[in-house]
Amino acid sequence: MAKSLRQILKVSFCPLPHSTPVSAIPASLYHAFRDSGAREGYEDAQRLRRNQLYRLTLAAWLEGDHDGPARFLPALEDRLWARLEETNW
């Protein structure tokens, strides 16, 4: 892998180690919309998950098969699974 791609991966994905657990979206955030119309809490939690999913997808794509097993794949699968389980409006 080119040195510049290594630098991008190091800088861009250090804040999200692949061992970080998937963030929760509790039912209370969904119920807040039902009770008060406040969607921000639920949408912020969804956005956090989506951003993690996008970053890990990009990291896996940039890294490719150049450095052995796809180290981002387990975290990517966890976030994709969680995204598919989300309740939607």
C-alpha atoms as a PDB file:
ATOM      1  CA  MET A   1       0.000   0.000   0.000  1.00  0.00           C
ATOM      2  CA  ALA A   2       1.252   3.467  -0.803  1.00  0.00           C
ATOM      3  CA  LYS A   3       2.649   5.503   2.068  1.00  0.00           C
ATOM      4  CA  SER A   4       0.027   8.227   1.553  1.00  0.00           C
ATOM      5  CA  LEU A   5      -2.837   5.705   1.942  1.00  0.00           C
ATOM      6  CA  ARG A   6      -1.292   4.472   5.179  1.00  0.00           C
ATOM      7  CA  GLN A   7      -1.191   8.046   6.453  1.00  0.00           C
ATOM      8  CA  ILE A   8      -4.842   8.605   5.492  1.00  0.00           C
ATOM      9  CA  LEU A   9      -5.907   5.443   7.316  1.00  0.00           C
ATOM     10  CA  LYS A  10      -3.847   6.320  10.373  1.00  0.00           C
ATOM     11  CA  VAL A  11      -5.138   9.875  10.653  1.00  0.00           C
ATOM     12  CA  SER A  12      -8.730   9.294   9.564  1.00  0.00           C
ATOM     13  CA  PHE A  13      -9.529   6.113  11.440  1.00  0.00           C
ATOM     14  CA  CYS A  14      -7.561   6.382  14.678  1.00  0.00           C
ATOM     15  CA  PRO A  15     -10.574   7.843  16.528  1.00  0.00           C
ATOM     16  CA  LEU A  16     -12.585   4.722  15.646  1.00  0.00           C
ATOM     17  CA  PRO A  17     -10.722   1.588  16.647  1.00  0.00           C
ATOM     18  CA  HIS A  18     -12.283  -1.487  15.136  1.00  0.00           C
ATOM     19  CA  SER A  19     -12.864  -2.872  18.629  1.00  0.00           C
ATOM     20  CA  THR A  20     -15.190   0.022  19.574  1.00  0.00           C
ATOM     21  CA  PRO A  21     -18.676  -1.320  20.379  1.00  0.00           C
ATOM     22  CA  VAL A  22     -21.628  -0.261  18.237  1.00  0.00           C
ATOM     23  CA  SER A  23     -23.391   2.719  19.784  1.00  0.00           C
ATOM     24  CA  ALA A  24     -26.854   2.020  21.184  1.00  0.00           C
ATOM     25  CA  ILE A  25     -30.097   3.562  20.007  1.00  0.00           C
ATOM     26  CA  PRO A  26     -32.471   3.045  22.943  1.00  0.00           C
ATOM     27  CA  ALA A  27     -36.236   2.901  22.544  1.00  0.00           C
ATOM     28  CA  SER A  28     -36.498   6.033  24.692  1.00  0.00           C
ATOM     29  CA  LEU A  29     -35.079   8.103  21.814  1.00  0.00           C
ATOM     30  CA  TYR A  30     -37.734   6.743  19.482  1.00  0.00           C
ATOM     31  CA  HIS A  31     -40.445   7.360  22.074  1.00  0.00           C
ATOM     32  CA  ALA A  32     -39.275  10.953  22.543  1.00  0.00           C
ATOM     33  CA  PHE A  33     -40.427  11.612  18.983  1.00  0.00           C
ATOM     34  CA  ARG A  34     -43.789   9.988  19.669  1.00  0.00           C
ATOM     35  CA  ASP A  35     -44.271  11.950  22.890  1.00  0.00           C
ATOM     36  CA  SER A  36     -42.849  15.361  22.006  1.00  0.00           C
ATOM     37  CA  GLY A  37     -41.966  15.342  18.321  1.00  0.00           C
ATOM     38  CA  ALA A  38     -38.253  15.620  19.155  1.00  0.00           C
ATOM     39  CA  ARG A  39     -36.389  13.638  16.500  1.00  0.00           C
ATOM     40  CA  GLU A  40     -32.905  15.014  17.134  1.00  0.00           C
ATOM     41  CA  GLY A  41     -31.745  12.473  19.724  1.00  0.00           C
ATOM     42  CA  TYR A  42     -32.702   9.492  17.600  1.00  0.00           C
ATOM     43  CA  GLU A  43     -31.396  11.067  14.412  1.00  0.00           C
ATOM     44  CA  ASP A  44     -28.079  11.996  16.070  1.00  0.00           C
ATOM     45  CA  ALA A  45     -27.619   8.406  17.260  1.00  0.00           C
ATOM     46  CA  GLN A  46     -28.470   7.109  13.775  1.00  0.00           C
ATOM     47  CA  ARG A  47     -26.070   9.586  12.190  1.00  0.00           C
ATOM     48  CA  LEU A  48     -23.239   8.443  14.469  1.00  0.00           C
ATOM     49  CA  ARG A  49     -23.766   4.840  13.377  1.00  0.00           C
ATOM     50  CA  ARG A  50     -23.969   5.787   9.700  1.00  0.00           C
ATOM     51  CA  ASN A  51     -20.781   7.840   9.918  1.00  0.00           C
ATOM     52  CA  GLN A  52     -18.958   4.925  11.553  1.00  0.00           C
ATOM     53  CA  LEU A  53     -20.268   2.614   8.836  1.00  0.00           C
ATOM     54  CA  TYR A  54     -19.114   4.967   6.071  1.00  0.00           C
ATOM     55  CA  ARG A  55     -15.673   5.467   7.616  1.00  0.00           C
ATOM     56  CA  LEU A  56     -15.096   1.748   8.106  1.00  0.00           C
ATOM     57  CA  THR A  57     -16.298   0.987   4.568  1.00  0.00           C
ATOM     58  CA  LEU A  58     -13.894   3.544   3.165  1.00  0.00           C
ATOM     59  CA  ALA A  59     -11.049   2.228   5.333  1.00  0.00           C
ATOM     60  CA  ALA A  60     -11.674  -1.351   4.198  1.00  0.00           C
ATOM     61  CA  TRP A  61     -11.801  -0.254   0.568  1.00  0.00           C
ATOM     62  CA  LEU A  62      -8.649   1.861   0.823  1.00  0.00           C
ATOM     63  CA  GLU A  63      -6.743  -0.864   2.573  1.00  0.00           C
ATOM     64  CA  GLY A  64      -7.906  -3.614   0.222  1.00  0.00           C
ATOM     65  CA  ASP A  65      -6.087  -6.924   0.462  1.00  0.00           C
ATOM     66  CA  HIS A  66      -2.659  -5.307   0.569  1.00  0.00           C
ATOM     67  CA  ASP A  67      -2.027  -5.863   4.275  1.00  0.00           C
ATOM     68  CA  GLY A  68      -3.498  -9.316   4.802  1.00  0.00           C
ATOM     69  CA  PRO A  69      -6.906  -9.988   6.349  1.00  0.00           C
ATOM     70  CA  ALA A  70      -9.428  -7.176   6.260  1.00  0.00           C
ATOM     71  CA  ARG A  71      -8.985  -5.802   9.771  1.00  0.00           C
ATOM     72  CA  PHE A  72     -11.952  -3.446   9.457  1.00  0.00           C
ATOM     73  CA  LEU A  73     -14.405  -6.137   8.329  1.00  0.00           C
ATOM     74  CA  PRO A  74     -15.651  -7.324  11.776  1.00  0.00           C
ATOM     75  CA  ALA A  75     -16.458  -3.761  12.906  1.00  0.00           C
ATOM     76  CA  LEU A  76     -17.992  -3.012   9.509  1.00  0.00           C
ATOM     77  CA  GLU A  77     -20.238  -6.080   9.743  1.00  0.00           C
ATOM     78  CA  ASP A  78     -21.337  -5.117  13.276  1.00  0.00           C
ATOM     79  CA  ARG A  79     -22.353  -1.625  12.177  1.00  0.00           C
ATOM     80  CA  LEU A  80     -24.116  -2.859   9.057  1.00  0.00           C
ATOM     81  CA  TRP A  81     -26.038  -5.400  11.138  1.00  0.00           C
ATOM     82  CA  ALA A  82     -27.015  -2.721  13.655  1.00  0.00           C
ATOM     83  CA  ARG A  83     -28.084  -0.373  10.855  1.00  0.00           C
ATOM     84  CA  LEU A  84     -30.363  -3.032   9.383  1.00  0.00           C
ATOM     85  CA  GLU A  85     -31.933  -3.640  12.800  1.00  0.00           C
ATOM     86  CA  GLU A  86     -32.837   0.025  13.351  1.00  0.00           C
ATOM     87  CA  THR A  87     -36.439   1.096  13.734  1.00  0.00           C
ATOM     88  CA  ASN A  88     -37.417   3.660  11.161  1.00  0.00           C
ATOM     89  CA  TRP A  89     -40.078   6.322  11.116  1.00  0.00           C
END
